[in-house]
Amino acid sequence: MRVRLRLAGVVVGLLLPGLVLGRWTLAVATERLAEASIALTSQLGPWVAASEEKLEDWVLAMIEPDAYLMRTYVREGTAPVSIYVAPAIRC
């Protein structure tokens, strides 16, 4: 019985600080993510940003991104390329 109590004390003593630290770290990361904006240069090699689009309200309501960037790049002699970038972390 004493061994089980001691073992339970050790488990709680080791796990509890880890759980608290993990939760605190997650809270800090969430705060940083909420403040984050996505920055991407307007020129990527020969590709130049031509336009930056906004998602429609119903799309924003559905996917609820914390931050995102949707931009179209062009290069002479090729078709335009559209990109969408958003963080993948969800709490």
N, C-alpha and C. Protein backbone atom coordinates (compact mmCIF):
# COMPACT_ATOMS: atom_id res chain seq x y z
N MET A 1 0.82 -1.19 0.00
CA MET A 1 0.00 0.00 0.00
C MET A 1 0.87 1.26 0.00
N ARG A 2 1.92 1.28 0.83
CA ARG A 2 2.82 2.43 0.91
C ARG A 2 3.54 2.66 -0.43
N VAL A 3 3.89 1.56 -1.08
CA VAL A 3 4.59 1.66 -2.36
C VAL A 3 3.68 2.29 -3.40
N ARG A 4 2.43 1.90 -3.41
CA ARG A 4 1.48 2.47 -4.37
C ARG A 4 1.27 3.96 -4.12
N LEU A 5 1.17 4.34 -2.85
CA LEU A 5 1.00 5.76 -2.53
C LEU A 5 2.23 6.56 -2.94
N ARG A 6 3.40 6.00 -2.67
CA ARG A 6 4.63 6.68 -3.05
C ARG A 6 4.73 6.80 -4.57
N LEU A 7 4.38 5.73 -5.27
CA LEU A 7 4.39 5.74 -6.74
C LEU A 7 3.40 6.77 -7.27
N ALA A 8 2.22 6.82 -6.69
CA ALA A 8 1.21 7.81 -7.11
C ALA A 8 1.72 9.22 -6.86
N GLY A 9 2.41 9.44 -5.74
CA GLY A 9 2.98 10.75 -5.45
C GLY A 9 4.04 11.16 -6.44
N VAL A 10 4.88 10.20 -6.81
CA VAL A 10 5.93 10.48 -7.80
C VAL A 10 5.31 10.79 -9.16
N VAL A 11 4.33 10.01 -9.56
CA VAL A 11 3.68 10.23 -10.86
C VAL A 11 3.04 11.61 -10.90
N VAL A 12 2.29 11.96 -9.86
CA VAL A 12 1.65 13.28 -9.81
C VAL A 12 2.71 14.37 -9.77
N GLY A 13 3.76 14.16 -8.99
CA GLY A 13 4.83 15.14 -8.87
C GLY A 13 5.57 15.38 -10.18
N LEU A 14 5.66 14.37 -11.00
CA LEU A 14 6.36 14.52 -12.28
C LEU A 14 5.43 14.96 -13.41
N LEU A 15 4.21 14.46 -13.42
CA LEU A 15 3.29 14.79 -14.50
C LEU A 15 2.65 16.17 -14.37
N LEU A 16 2.30 16.54 -13.17
CA LEU A 16 1.59 17.81 -12.97
C LEU A 16 2.39 19.01 -13.48
N PRO A 17 3.67 19.16 -13.12
CA PRO A 17 4.43 20.30 -13.66
C PRO A 17 4.53 20.26 -15.19
N GLY A 18 4.66 19.06 -15.75
CA GLY A 18 4.71 18.94 -17.21
C GLY A 18 3.41 19.38 -17.87
N LEU A 19 2.30 19.00 -17.30
CA LEU A 19 1.00 19.41 -17.84
C LEU A 19 0.80 20.91 -17.72
N VAL A 20 1.17 21.47 -16.58
CA VAL A 20 1.03 22.92 -16.38
C VAL A 20 1.93 23.67 -17.36
N LEU A 21 3.17 23.23 -17.50
CA LEU A 21 4.09 23.87 -18.43
C LEU A 21 3.59 23.76 -19.87
N GLY A 22 3.09 22.60 -20.24
CA GLY A 22 2.55 22.42 -21.59
C GLY A 22 1.37 23.33 -21.86
N ARG A 23 0.48 23.46 -20.91
CA ARG A 23 -0.69 24.33 -21.08
C ARG A 23 -0.28 25.79 -21.17
N TRP A 24 0.70 26.19 -20.33
CA TRP A 24 1.18 27.56 -20.35
C TRP A 24 1.84 27.88 -21.70
N THR A 25 2.67 26.96 -22.19
CA THR A 25 3.33 27.13 -23.48
C THR A 25 2.31 27.27 -24.60
N LEU A 26 1.28 26.46 -24.56
CA LEU A 26 0.23 26.53 -25.57
C LEU A 26 -0.50 27.87 -25.51
N ALA A 27 -0.74 28.38 -24.31
CA ALA A 27 -1.40 29.67 -24.16
C ALA A 27 -0.56 30.80 -24.73
N VAL A 28 0.75 30.77 -24.49
CA VAL A 28 1.65 31.78 -25.02
C VAL A 28 1.69 31.70 -26.54
N ALA A 29 1.77 30.50 -27.10
CA ALA A 29 1.79 30.32 -28.55
C ALA A 29 0.50 30.82 -29.18
N THR A 30 -0.62 30.59 -28.52
CA THR A 30 -1.91 31.04 -29.03
C THR A 30 -1.97 32.56 -29.06
N GLU A 31 -1.46 33.22 -28.03
CA GLU A 31 -1.45 34.68 -28.00
C GLU A 31 -0.60 35.23 -29.14
N ARG A 32 0.58 34.63 -29.35
CA ARG A 32 1.45 35.09 -30.43
C ARG A 32 0.79 34.88 -31.78
N LEU A 33 0.12 33.77 -31.96
CA LEU A 33 -0.54 33.47 -33.22
C LEU A 33 -1.67 34.44 -33.49
N ALA A 34 -2.42 34.80 -32.47
CA ALA A 34 -3.53 35.74 -32.64
C ALA A 34 -3.01 37.11 -33.08
N GLU A 35 -1.81 37.48 -32.64
CA GLU A 35 -1.24 38.77 -33.01
C GLU A 35 -0.51 38.70 -34.35
N ALA A 36 -0.26 37.51 -34.82
CA ALA A 36 0.58 37.33 -36.00
C ALA A 36 -0.13 37.74 -37.28
N SER A 37 0.64 38.22 -38.17
CA SER A 37 0.17 38.43 -39.53
C SER A 37 1.21 37.74 -40.42
N ILE A 38 0.79 37.37 -41.57
CA ILE A 38 1.69 36.65 -42.47
C ILE A 38 2.32 37.65 -43.42
N ALA A 39 3.63 37.63 -43.46
CA ALA A 39 4.35 38.55 -44.34
C ALA A 39 5.10 37.72 -45.38
N LEU A 40 4.93 38.07 -46.61
CA LEU A 40 5.61 37.40 -47.70
C LEU A 40 6.03 38.49 -48.68
N THR A 41 7.26 38.42 -49.13
CA THR A 41 7.79 39.45 -50.01
C THR A 41 6.94 39.59 -51.28
N SER A 42 6.92 40.77 -51.83
CA SER A 42 6.11 40.99 -53.03
C SER A 42 6.79 40.52 -54.30
N GLN A 43 8.05 40.12 -54.19
CA GLN A 43 8.74 39.56 -55.36
C GLN A 43 9.45 38.28 -54.95
N LEU A 44 9.14 37.21 -55.67
CA LEU A 44 9.76 35.91 -55.44
C LEU A 44 10.50 35.53 -56.72
N GLY A 45 11.77 35.85 -56.77
CA GLY A 45 12.53 35.62 -57.99
C GLY A 45 11.94 36.45 -59.11
N PRO A 46 11.61 35.83 -60.25
CA PRO A 46 11.02 36.58 -61.36
C PRO A 46 9.52 36.84 -61.18
N TRP A 47 8.91 36.27 -60.15
CA TRP A 47 7.48 36.44 -59.91
C TRP A 47 7.23 37.70 -59.09
N VAL A 48 6.24 38.50 -59.51
CA VAL A 48 5.92 39.76 -58.84
C VAL A 48 4.46 39.73 -58.41
N ALA A 49 4.20 40.21 -57.19
CA ALA A 49 2.82 40.24 -56.69
C ALA A 49 1.99 41.22 -57.52
N ALA A 50 0.88 40.72 -58.04
CA ALA A 50 0.00 41.55 -58.86
C ALA A 50 -1.22 42.02 -58.07
N SER A 51 -1.71 41.18 -57.18
CA SER A 51 -2.89 41.56 -56.39
C SER A 51 -2.95 40.75 -55.11
N GLU A 52 -3.63 41.31 -54.14
CA GLU A 52 -3.86 40.61 -52.87
C GLU A 52 -5.37 40.59 -52.64
N GLU A 53 -5.90 39.39 -52.46
CA GLU A 53 -7.34 39.22 -52.33
C GLU A 53 -7.73 38.98 -50.87
N LYS A 54 -8.99 39.22 -50.59
CA LYS A 54 -9.57 38.93 -49.28
C LYS A 54 -10.58 37.81 -49.44
N LEU A 55 -10.66 36.95 -48.46
CA LEU A 55 -11.66 35.88 -48.48
C LEU A 55 -13.04 36.46 -48.21
N GLU A 56 -14.03 35.84 -48.78
CA GLU A 56 -15.41 36.29 -48.55
C GLU A 56 -15.80 35.99 -47.10
N ASP A 57 -16.77 36.75 -46.59
CA ASP A 57 -17.18 36.61 -45.19
C ASP A 57 -17.62 35.19 -44.84
N TRP A 58 -18.35 34.54 -45.74
CA TRP A 58 -18.84 33.20 -45.43
C TRP A 58 -17.69 32.19 -45.37
N VAL A 59 -16.65 32.42 -46.17
CA VAL A 59 -15.48 31.54 -46.13
C VAL A 59 -14.72 31.76 -44.82
N LEU A 60 -14.53 33.02 -44.44
CA LEU A 60 -13.86 33.32 -43.17
C LEU A 60 -14.60 32.71 -42.00
N ALA A 61 -15.93 32.77 -42.03
CA ALA A 61 -16.73 32.19 -40.95
C ALA A 61 -16.57 30.67 -40.89
N MET A 62 -16.37 30.05 -42.05
CA MET A 62 -16.25 28.60 -42.09
C MET A 62 -14.88 28.11 -41.62
N ILE A 63 -13.80 28.74 -42.10
CA ILE A 63 -12.46 28.23 -41.78
C ILE A 63 -11.81 28.93 -40.59
N GLU A 64 -12.29 30.10 -40.22
CA GLU A 64 -11.81 30.86 -39.06
C GLU A 64 -10.29 30.91 -38.95
N PRO A 65 -9.59 31.43 -39.96
CA PRO A 65 -8.13 31.51 -39.85
C PRO A 65 -7.72 32.62 -38.87
N ASP A 66 -6.63 32.40 -38.14
CA ASP A 66 -6.12 33.44 -37.26
C ASP A 66 -5.44 34.54 -38.07
N ALA A 67 -4.85 34.15 -39.17
CA ALA A 67 -4.21 35.07 -40.10
C ALA A 67 -4.12 34.34 -41.43
N TYR A 68 -4.09 35.09 -42.51
CA TYR A 68 -3.94 34.45 -43.82
C TYR A 68 -3.43 35.45 -44.83
N LEU A 69 -2.94 34.94 -45.94
CA LEU A 69 -2.49 35.75 -47.05
C LEU A 69 -2.93 35.06 -48.32
N MET A 70 -3.61 35.79 -49.18
CA MET A 70 -4.04 35.25 -50.47
C MET A 70 -3.59 36.26 -51.52
N ARG A 71 -2.66 35.83 -52.37
CA ARG A 71 -2.04 36.76 -53.30
C ARG A 71 -1.83 36.09 -54.65
N THR A 72 -1.84 36.89 -55.71
CA THR A 72 -1.57 36.41 -57.06
C THR A 72 -0.24 36.99 -57.53
N TYR A 73 0.62 36.10 -58.02
CA TYR A 73 1.91 36.50 -58.57
C TYR A 73 1.89 36.29 -60.08
N VAL A 74 2.58 37.19 -60.79
CA VAL A 74 2.67 37.09 -62.25
C VAL A 74 4.13 37.10 -62.68
N ARG A 75 4.33 36.50 -63.84
CA ARG A 75 5.64 36.46 -64.48
C ARG A 75 5.41 36.54 -65.97
N GLU A 76 6.16 37.35 -66.62
CA GLU A 76 5.97 37.54 -68.06
C GLU A 76 6.12 36.22 -68.80
N GLY A 77 5.17 35.95 -69.68
CA GLY A 77 5.22 34.76 -70.50
C GLY A 77 4.63 33.52 -69.85
N THR A 78 4.07 33.63 -68.65
CA THR A 78 3.48 32.47 -67.97
C THR A 78 2.11 32.85 -67.40
N ALA A 79 1.38 31.85 -67.01
CA ALA A 79 0.08 32.09 -66.39
C ALA A 79 0.29 32.58 -64.95
N PRO A 80 -0.64 33.40 -64.44
CA PRO A 80 -0.52 33.86 -63.05
C PRO A 80 -0.67 32.69 -62.07
N VAL A 81 -0.07 32.85 -60.89
CA VAL A 81 -0.13 31.84 -59.84
C VAL A 81 -0.73 32.48 -58.60
N SER A 82 -1.78 31.87 -58.07
CA SER A 82 -2.40 32.36 -56.83
C SER A 82 -1.98 31.47 -55.68
N ILE A 83 -1.67 32.10 -54.53
CA ILE A 83 -1.29 31.34 -53.35
C ILE A 83 -2.20 31.72 -52.18
N TYR A 84 -2.37 30.76 -51.29
CA TYR A 84 -3.10 30.98 -50.03
C TYR A 84 -2.23 30.39 -48.94
N VAL A 85 -1.90 31.21 -47.93
CA VAL A 85 -1.06 30.77 -46.83
C VAL A 85 -1.76 31.12 -45.53
N ALA A 86 -1.83 30.13 -44.62
CA ALA A 86 -2.41 30.35 -43.30
C ALA A 86 -1.76 29.40 -42.31
N PRO A 87 -1.65 29.81 -41.04
CA PRO A 87 -1.07 28.90 -40.05
C PRO A 87 -1.96 27.68 -39.84
N ALA A 88 -1.34 26.56 -39.56
CA ALA A 88 -2.07 25.31 -39.40
C ALA A 88 -2.34 24.96 -37.94
N ILE A 89 -1.89 25.78 -37.00
CA ILE A 89 -2.07 25.49 -35.59
C ILE A 89 -3.50 25.84 -35.18
N ARG A 90 -4.16 24.92 -34.52
CA ARG A 90 -5.52 25.15 -34.03
C ARG A 90 -5.58 24.68 -32.60
N CYS A 91 -6.03 25.51 -31.71
CA CYS A 91 -6.10 25.16 -30.28
C CYS A 91 -7.51 24.84 -29.88
